[in-house]
Amino acid sequence: MPAVFLGRGWRSDVLRLVDSFRQAASYVDRILRGDKPADLPVQAATKFETVVNLKTAKALGLTVPPGLLVAADEVIE
């Protein structure tokens, strides 16, 4: 899955590129329909995924709380 990593280390929040492209397509559609780009609202990303890297956490001597592991979208062993 393509992703942009916003952090490094044992835990990262990733922004899914698919969602960004979908949002960009919406802007292009509105511009092609006649909306002025300056009139379009600025939108921030709304979907993020949490990835936990247990190997890195162990190397750093960190204990990852079980709640974070359950809530993570992906856990790298």
PDB file of N, CA and C in Angstrom:
ATOM      1  N   MET A   1       0.847  -1.171   0.000  1.00  0.00           N
ATOM      2  CA  MET A   1       0.000   0.000   0.000  1.00  0.00           C
ATOM      3  C   MET A   1       0.896   1.239   0.000  1.00  0.00           C
ATOM      4  N   PRO A   2       0.800   2.097  -0.995  1.00  0.00           N
ATOM      5  CA  PRO A   2       1.597   3.319  -0.997  1.00  0.00           C
ATOM      6  C   PRO A   2       1.178   4.227   0.152  1.00  0.00           C
ATOM      7  N   ALA A   3       2.147   4.829   0.783  1.00  0.00           N
ATOM      8  CA  ALA A   3       1.842   5.723   1.898  1.00  0.00           C
ATOM      9  C   ALA A   3       2.944   6.759   2.033  1.00  0.00           C
ATOM     10  N   VAL A   4       2.612   7.861   2.620  1.00  0.00           N
ATOM     11  CA  VAL A   4       3.583   8.890   2.947  1.00  0.00           C
ATOM     12  C   VAL A   4       3.800   8.820   4.444  1.00  0.00           C
ATOM     13  N   PHE A   5       5.035   8.586   4.867  1.00  0.00           N
ATOM     14  CA  PHE A   5       5.306   8.475   6.292  1.00  0.00           C
ATOM     15  C   PHE A   5       5.545   9.857   6.870  1.00  0.00           C
ATOM     16  N   LEU A   6       4.781  10.195   7.893  1.00  0.00           N
ATOM     17  CA  LEU A   6       4.895  11.488   8.539  1.00  0.00           C
ATOM     18  C   LEU A   6       5.795  11.427   9.765  1.00  0.00           C
ATOM     19  N   GLY A   7       6.288  10.276  10.086  1.00  0.00           N
ATOM     20  CA  GLY A   7       7.152  10.117  11.245  1.00  0.00           C
ATOM     21  C   GLY A   7       8.136   9.002  10.999  1.00  0.00           C
ATOM     22  N   ARG A   8       9.120   8.875  11.886  1.00  0.00           N
ATOM     23  CA  ARG A   8      10.107   7.797  11.754  1.00  0.00           C
ATOM     24  C   ARG A   8      10.232   7.096  13.087  1.00  0.00           C
ATOM     25  N   GLY A   9      10.662   5.860  13.034  1.00  0.00           N
ATOM     26  CA  GLY A   9      10.916   5.147  14.268  1.00  0.00           C
ATOM     27  C   GLY A   9       9.946   4.020  14.503  1.00  0.00           C
ATOM     28  N   TRP A  10       9.557   3.854  15.745  1.00  0.00           N
ATOM     29  CA  TRP A  10       8.752   2.698  16.122  1.00  0.00           C
ATOM     30  C   TRP A  10       7.274   2.889  15.843  1.00  0.00           C
ATOM     31  N   ARG A  11       6.824   4.126  15.644  1.00  0.00           N
ATOM     32  CA  ARG A  11       5.406   4.387  15.388  1.00  0.00           C
ATOM     33  C   ARG A  11       5.295   5.492  14.348  1.00  0.00           C
ATOM     34  N   SER A  12       4.422   5.317  13.385  1.00  0.00           N
ATOM     35  CA  SER A  12       4.219   6.332  12.357  1.00  0.00           C
ATOM     36  C   SER A  12       2.738   6.496  12.074  1.00  0.00           C
ATOM     37  N   ASP A  13       2.356   7.721  11.776  1.00  0.00           N
ATOM     38  CA  ASP A  13       1.021   7.975  11.249  1.00  0.00           C
ATOM     39  C   ASP A  13       1.205   8.192   9.758  1.00  0.00           C
ATOM     40  N   VAL A  14       0.499   7.425   8.964  1.00  0.00           N
ATOM     41  CA  VAL A  14       0.673   7.500   7.524  1.00  0.00           C
ATOM     42  C   VAL A  14      -0.577   8.057   6.861  1.00  0.00           C
ATOM     43  N   LEU A  15      -0.335   8.821   5.841  1.00  0.00           N
ATOM     44  CA  LEU A  15      -1.400   9.408   5.040  1.00  0.00           C
ATOM     45  C   LEU A  15      -1.512   8.561   3.779  1.00  0.00           C
ATOM     46  N   ARG A  16      -2.677   8.043   3.522  1.00  0.00           N
ATOM     47  CA  ARG A  16      -2.858   7.187   2.354  1.00  0.00           C
ATOM     48  C   ARG A  16      -2.900   8.029   1.081  1.00  0.00           C
ATOM     49  N   LEU A  17      -2.021   7.713   0.141  1.00  0.00           N
ATOM     50  CA  LEU A  17      -1.953   8.454  -1.113  1.00  0.00           C
ATOM     51  C   LEU A  17      -3.235   8.326  -1.923  1.00  0.00           C
ATOM     52  N   VAL A  18      -3.886   7.177  -1.847  1.00  0.00           N
ATOM     53  CA  VAL A  18      -5.127   6.967  -2.594  1.00  0.00           C
ATOM     54  C   VAL A  18      -6.153   8.032  -2.206  1.00  0.00           C
ATOM     55  N   ASP A  19      -6.266   8.302  -0.910  1.00  0.00           N
ATOM     56  CA  ASP A  19      -7.223   9.310  -0.450  1.00  0.00           C
ATOM     57  C   ASP A  19      -6.827  10.709  -0.910  1.00  0.00           C
ATOM     58  N   SER A  20      -5.522  10.985  -0.937  1.00  0.00           N
ATOM     59  CA  SER A  20      -5.051  12.290  -1.405  1.00  0.00           C
ATOM     60  C   SER A  20      -5.361  12.484  -2.889  1.00  0.00           C
ATOM     61  N   PHE A  21      -5.156  11.438  -3.683  1.00  0.00           N
ATOM     62  CA  PHE A  21      -5.448  11.526  -5.111  1.00  0.00           C
ATOM     63  C   PHE A  21      -6.945  11.710  -5.348  1.00  0.00           C
ATOM     64  N   ARG A  22      -7.744  11.037  -4.546  1.00  0.00           N
ATOM     65  CA  ARG A  22      -9.199  11.160  -4.675  1.00  0.00           C
ATOM     66  C   ARG A  22      -9.622  12.603  -4.369  1.00  0.00           C
ATOM     67  N   GLN A  23      -9.029  13.174  -3.339  1.00  0.00           N
ATOM     68  CA  GLN A  23      -9.343  14.555  -2.960  1.00  0.00           C
ATOM     69  C   GLN A  23      -8.885  15.526  -4.052  1.00  0.00           C
ATOM     70  N   ALA A  24      -7.720  15.277  -4.629  1.00  0.00           N
ATOM     71  CA  ALA A  24      -7.219  16.132  -5.716  1.00  0.00           C
ATOM     72  C   ALA A  24      -8.140  16.046  -6.928  1.00  0.00           C
ATOM     73  N   ALA A  25      -8.640  14.846  -7.222  1.00  0.00           N
ATOM     74  CA  ALA A  25      -9.546  14.680  -8.354  1.00  0.00           C
ATOM     75  C   ALA A  25     -10.819  15.494  -8.152  1.00  0.00           C
ATOM     76  N   SER A  26     -11.276  15.594  -6.920  1.00  0.00           N
ATOM     77  CA  SER A  26     -12.463  16.395  -6.619  1.00  0.00           C
ATOM     78  C   SER A  26     -12.212  17.869  -6.932  1.00  0.00           C
ATOM     79  N   TYR A  27     -11.018  18.354  -6.573  1.00  0.00           N
ATOM     80  CA  TYR A  27     -10.659  19.745  -6.885  1.00  0.00           C
ATOM     81  C   TYR A  27     -10.604  19.975  -8.391  1.00  0.00           C
ATOM     82  N   VAL A  28      -9.984  19.046  -9.110  1.00  0.00           N
ATOM     83  CA  VAL A  28      -9.879  19.177 -10.570  1.00  0.00           C
ATOM     84  C   VAL A  28     -11.270  19.192 -11.191  1.00  0.00           C
ATOM     85  N   ASP A  29     -12.146  18.328 -10.714  1.00  0.00           N
ATOM     86  CA  ASP A  29     -13.513  18.279 -11.225  1.00  0.00           C
ATOM     87  C   ASP A  29     -14.213  19.624 -11.043  1.00  0.00           C
ATOM     88  N   ARG A  30     -14.070  20.202  -9.868  1.00  0.00           N
ATOM     89  CA  ARG A  30     -14.732  21.487  -9.600  1.00  0.00           C
ATOM     90  C   ARG A  30     -14.158  22.601 -10.468  1.00  0.00           C
ATOM     91  N   ILE A  31     -12.844  22.582 -10.686  1.00  0.00           N
ATOM     92  CA  ILE A  31     -12.216  23.604 -11.533  1.00  0.00           C
ATOM     93  C   ILE A  31     -12.688  23.449 -12.972  1.00  0.00           C
ATOM     94  N   LEU A  32     -12.754  22.212 -13.458  1.00  0.00           N
ATOM     95  CA  LEU A  32     -13.205  21.979 -14.832  1.00  0.00           C
ATOM     96  C   LEU A  32     -14.678  22.339 -15.023  1.00  0.00           C
ATOM     97  N   ARG A  33     -15.440  22.326 -13.946  1.00  0.00           N
ATOM     98  CA  ARG A  33     -16.840  22.717 -14.013  1.00  0.00           C
ATOM     99  C   ARG A  33     -17.034  24.230 -13.873  1.00  0.00           C
ATOM    100  N   GLY A  34     -15.923  24.968 -13.717  1.00  0.00           N
ATOM    101  CA  GLY A  34     -16.022  26.425 -13.712  1.00  0.00           C
ATOM    102  C   GLY A  34     -15.725  27.125 -12.402  1.00  0.00           C
ATOM    103  N   ASP A  35     -15.532  26.392 -11.305  1.00  0.00           N
ATOM    104  CA  ASP A  35     -15.192  27.047 -10.036  1.00  0.00           C
ATOM    105  C   ASP A  35     -13.798  27.666 -10.134  1.00  0.00           C
ATOM    106  N   LYS A  36     -13.629  28.804  -9.501  1.00  0.00           N
ATOM    107  CA  LYS A  36     -12.325  29.441  -9.462  1.00  0.00           C
ATOM    108  C   LYS A  36     -11.472  28.761  -8.395  1.00  0.00           C
ATOM    109  N   PRO A  37     -10.225  28.420  -8.720  1.00  0.00           N
ATOM    110  CA  PRO A  37      -9.360  27.772  -7.730  1.00  0.00           C
ATOM    111  C   PRO A  37      -9.228  28.581  -6.435  1.00  0.00           C
ATOM    112  N   ALA A  38      -9.212  29.900  -6.530  1.00  0.00           N
ATOM    113  CA  ALA A  38      -9.066  30.744  -5.338  1.00  0.00           C
ATOM    114  C   ALA A  38     -10.282  30.644  -4.423  1.00  0.00           C
ATOM    115  N   ASP A  39     -11.427  30.227  -4.981  1.00  0.00           N
ATOM    116  CA  ASP A  39     -12.648  30.123  -4.175  1.00  0.00           C
ATOM    117  C   ASP A  39     -12.816  28.757  -3.499  1.00  0.00           C
ATOM    118  N   LEU A  40     -11.977  27.809  -3.850  1.00  0.00           N
ATOM    119  CA  LEU A  40     -12.091  26.472  -3.271  1.00  0.00           C
ATOM    120  C   LEU A  40     -11.493  26.457  -1.872  1.00  0.00           C
ATOM    121  N   PRO A  41     -12.139  25.770  -0.940  1.00  0.00           N
ATOM    122  CA  PRO A  41     -11.620  25.706   0.430  1.00  0.00           C
ATOM    123  C   PRO A  41     -10.367  24.839   0.520  1.00  0.00           C
ATOM    124  N   VAL A  42      -9.512  25.187   1.442  1.00  0.00           N
ATOM    125  CA  VAL A  42      -8.340  24.361   1.713  1.00  0.00           C
ATOM    126  C   VAL A  42      -8.800  23.200   2.582  1.00  0.00           C
ATOM    127  N   GLN A  43      -8.413  21.999   2.193  1.00  0.00           N
ATOM    128  CA  GLN A  43      -8.823  20.820   2.948  1.00  0.00           C
ATOM    129  C   GLN A  43      -7.592  20.081   3.444  1.00  0.00           C
ATOM    130  N   ALA A  44      -7.669  19.638   4.675  1.00  0.00           N
ATOM    131  CA  ALA A  44      -6.592  18.846   5.260  1.00  0.00           C
ATOM    132  C   ALA A  44      -6.940  17.368   5.145  1.00  0.00           C
ATOM    133  N   ALA A  45      -5.932  16.548   5.236  1.00  0.00           N
ATOM    134  CA  ALA A  45      -6.147  15.108   5.202  1.00  0.00           C
ATOM    135  C   ALA A  45      -7.029  14.692   6.382  1.00  0.00           C
ATOM    136  N   THR A  46      -7.896  13.734   6.140  1.00  0.00           N
ATOM    137  CA  THR A  46      -8.807  13.287   7.191  1.00  0.00           C
ATOM    138  C   THR A  46      -8.598  11.826   7.565  1.00  0.00           C
ATOM    139  N   LYS A  47      -7.927  11.067   6.717  1.00  0.00           N
ATOM    140  CA  LYS A  47      -7.724   9.648   6.990  1.00  0.00           C
ATOM    141  C   LYS A  47      -6.237   9.376   7.199  1.00  0.00           C
ATOM    142  N   PHE A  48      -5.924   8.830   8.352  1.00  0.00           N
ATOM    143  CA  PHE A  48      -4.561   8.433   8.679  1.00  0.00           C
ATOM    144  C   PHE A  48      -4.591   7.004   9.177  1.00  0.00           C
ATOM    145  N   GLU A  49      -3.475   6.327   9.057  1.00  0.00           N
ATOM    146  CA  GLU A  49      -3.332   4.992   9.605  1.00  0.00           C
ATOM    147  C   GLU A  49      -2.159   5.012  10.575  1.00  0.00           C
ATOM    148  N   THR A  50      -2.280   4.255  11.652  1.00  0.00           N
ATOM    149  CA  THR A  50      -1.199   4.148  12.622  1.00  0.00           C
ATOM    150  C   THR A  50      -0.473   2.822  12.406  1.00  0.00           C
ATOM    151  N   VAL A  51       0.848   2.912  12.239  1.00  0.00           N
ATOM    152  CA  VAL A  51       1.682   1.741  12.023  1.00  0.00           C
ATOM    153  C   VAL A  51       2.677   1.655  13.176  1.00  0.00           C
ATOM    154  N   VAL A  52       2.766   0.495  13.818  1.00  0.00           N
ATOM    155  CA  VAL A  52       3.700   0.282  14.925  1.00  0.00           C
ATOM    156  C   VAL A  52       4.738  -0.748  14.496  1.00  0.00           C
ATOM    157  N   ASN A  53       6.012  -0.389  14.652  1.00  0.00           N
ATOM    158  CA  ASN A  53       7.105  -1.288  14.314  1.00  0.00           C
ATOM    159  C   ASN A  53       7.667  -1.862  15.617  1.00  0.00           C
ATOM    160  N   LEU A  54       7.312  -3.108  15.924  1.00  0.00           N
ATOM    161  CA  LEU A  54       7.732  -3.728  17.174  1.00  0.00           C
ATOM    162  C   LEU A  54       9.236  -3.998  17.221  1.00  0.00           C
ATOM    163  N   LYS A  55       9.833  -4.295  16.070  1.00  0.00           N
ATOM    164  CA  LYS A  55      11.273  -4.553  16.023  1.00  0.00           C
ATOM    165  C   LYS A  55      12.051  -3.306  16.436  1.00  0.00           C
ATOM    166  N   THR A  56      11.647  -2.155  15.912  1.00  0.00           N
ATOM    167  CA  THR A  56      12.317  -0.906  16.263  1.00  0.00           C
ATOM    168  C   THR A  56      12.051  -0.531  17.717  1.00  0.00           C
ATOM    169  N   ALA A  57      10.820  -0.733  18.169  1.00  0.00           N
ATOM    170  CA  ALA A  57      10.489  -0.434  19.562  1.00  0.00           C
ATOM    171  C   ALA A  57      11.361  -1.263  20.501  1.00  0.00           C
ATOM    172  N   LYS A  58      11.542  -2.532  20.178  1.00  0.00           N
ATOM    173  CA  LYS A  58      12.377  -3.405  21.005  1.00  0.00           C
ATOM    174  C   LYS A  58      13.825  -2.936  20.997  1.00  0.00           C
ATOM    175  N   ALA A  59      14.326  -2.549  19.809  1.00  0.00           N
ATOM    176  CA  ALA A  59      15.708  -2.070  19.701  1.00  0.00           C
ATOM    177  C   ALA A  59      15.924  -0.792  20.515  1.00  0.00           C
ATOM    178  N   LEU A  60      14.878   0.009  20.652  1.00  0.00           N
ATOM    179  CA  LEU A  60      14.962   1.240  21.439  1.00  0.00           C
ATOM    180  C   LEU A  60      14.677   1.006  22.919  1.00  0.00           C
ATOM    181  N   GLY A  61      14.340  -0.234  23.271  1.00  0.00           N
ATOM    182  CA  GLY A  61      14.039  -0.562  24.659  1.00  0.00           C
ATOM    183  C   GLY A  61      12.682  -0.068  25.120  1.00  0.00           C
ATOM    184  N   LEU A  62      11.749   0.071  24.182  1.00  0.00           N
ATOM    185  CA  LEU A  62      10.413   0.571  24.502  1.00  0.00           C
ATOM    186  C   LEU A  62       9.419  -0.580  24.646  1.00  0.00           C
ATOM    187  N   THR A  63       8.490  -0.424  25.541  1.00  0.00           N
ATOM    188  CA  THR A  63       7.381  -1.361  25.672  1.00  0.00           C
ATOM    189  C   THR A  63       6.148  -0.688  25.079  1.00  0.00           C
ATOM    190  N   VAL A  64       5.572  -1.335  24.085  1.00  0.00           N
ATOM    191  CA  VAL A  64       4.397  -0.775  23.419  1.00  0.00           C
ATOM    192  C   VAL A  64       3.157  -1.236  24.186  1.00  0.00           C
ATOM    193  N   PRO A  65       2.334  -0.295  24.645  1.00  0.00           N
ATOM    194  CA  PRO A  65       1.121  -0.672  25.382  1.00  0.00           C
ATOM    195  C   PRO A  65       0.185  -1.523  24.515  1.00  0.00           C
ATOM    196  N   PRO A  66      -0.425  -2.535  25.119  1.00  0.00           N
ATOM    197  CA  PRO A  66      -1.343  -3.399  24.366  1.00  0.00           C
ATOM    198  C   PRO A  66      -2.471  -2.619  23.685  1.00  0.00           C
ATOM    199  N   GLY A  67      -2.942  -1.555  24.316  1.00  0.00           N
ATOM    200  CA  GLY A  67      -4.008  -0.750  23.723  1.00  0.00           C
ATOM    201  C   GLY A  67      -3.600  -0.130  22.402  1.00  0.00           C
ATOM    202  N   LEU A  68      -2.328   0.283  22.309  1.00  0.00           N
ATOM    203  CA  LEU A  68      -1.827   0.860  21.046  1.00  0.00           C
ATOM    204  C   LEU A  68      -1.740  -0.198  19.973  1.00  0.00           C
ATOM    205  N   LEU A  69      -1.342  -1.409  20.355  1.00  0.00           N
ATOM    206  CA  LEU A  69      -1.262  -2.501  19.383  1.00  0.00           C
ATOM    207  C   LEU A  69      -2.652  -2.852  18.845  1.00  0.00           C
ATOM    208  N   VAL A  70      -3.639  -2.836  19.710  1.00  0.00           N
ATOM    209  CA  VAL A  70      -5.014  -3.139  19.290  1.00  0.00           C
ATOM    210  C   VAL A  70      -5.539  -2.036  18.374  1.00  0.00           C
ATOM    211  N   ALA A  71      -5.202  -0.790  18.679  1.00  0.00           N
ATOM    212  CA  ALA A  71      -5.723   0.341  17.912  1.00  0.00           C
ATOM    213  C   ALA A  71      -4.972   0.546  16.594  1.00  0.00           C
ATOM    214  N   ALA A  72      -3.762  -0.002  16.476  1.00  0.00           N
ATOM    215  CA  ALA A  72      -2.951   0.213  15.271  1.00  0.00           C
ATOM    216  C   ALA A  72      -3.597  -0.440  14.058  1.00  0.00           C
ATOM    217  N   ASP A  73      -3.471   0.233  12.926  1.00  0.00           N
ATOM    218  CA  ASP A  73      -3.975  -0.320  11.667  1.00  0.00           C
ATOM    219  C   ASP A  73      -3.051  -1.404  11.140  1.00  0.00           C
ATOM    220  N   GLU A  74      -1.753  -1.271  11.472  1.00  0.00           N
ATOM    221  CA  GLU A  74      -0.772  -2.259  11.029  1.00  0.00           C
ATOM    222  C   GLU A  74       0.305  -2.385  12.095  1.00  0.00           C
ATOM    223  N   VAL A  75       0.709  -3.623  12.379  1.00  0.00           N
ATOM    224  CA  VAL A  75       1.795  -3.884  13.329  1.00  0.00           C
ATOM    225  C   VAL A  75       2.866  -4.654  12.575  1.00  0.00           C
ATOM    226  N   ILE A  76       4.068  -4.086  12.539  1.00  0.00           N
ATOM    227  CA  ILE A  76       5.196  -4.732  11.886  1.00  0.00           C
ATOM    228  C   ILE A  76       5.964  -5.497  12.961  1.00  0.00           C
ATOM    229  N   GLU A  77       6.080  -6.805  12.777  1.00  0.00           N
ATOM    230  CA  GLU A  77       6.710  -7.657  13.800  1.00  0.00           C
ATOM    231  C   GLU A  77       8.204  -7.561  13.734  1.00  0.00           C
TER     232      GLU A  77
END
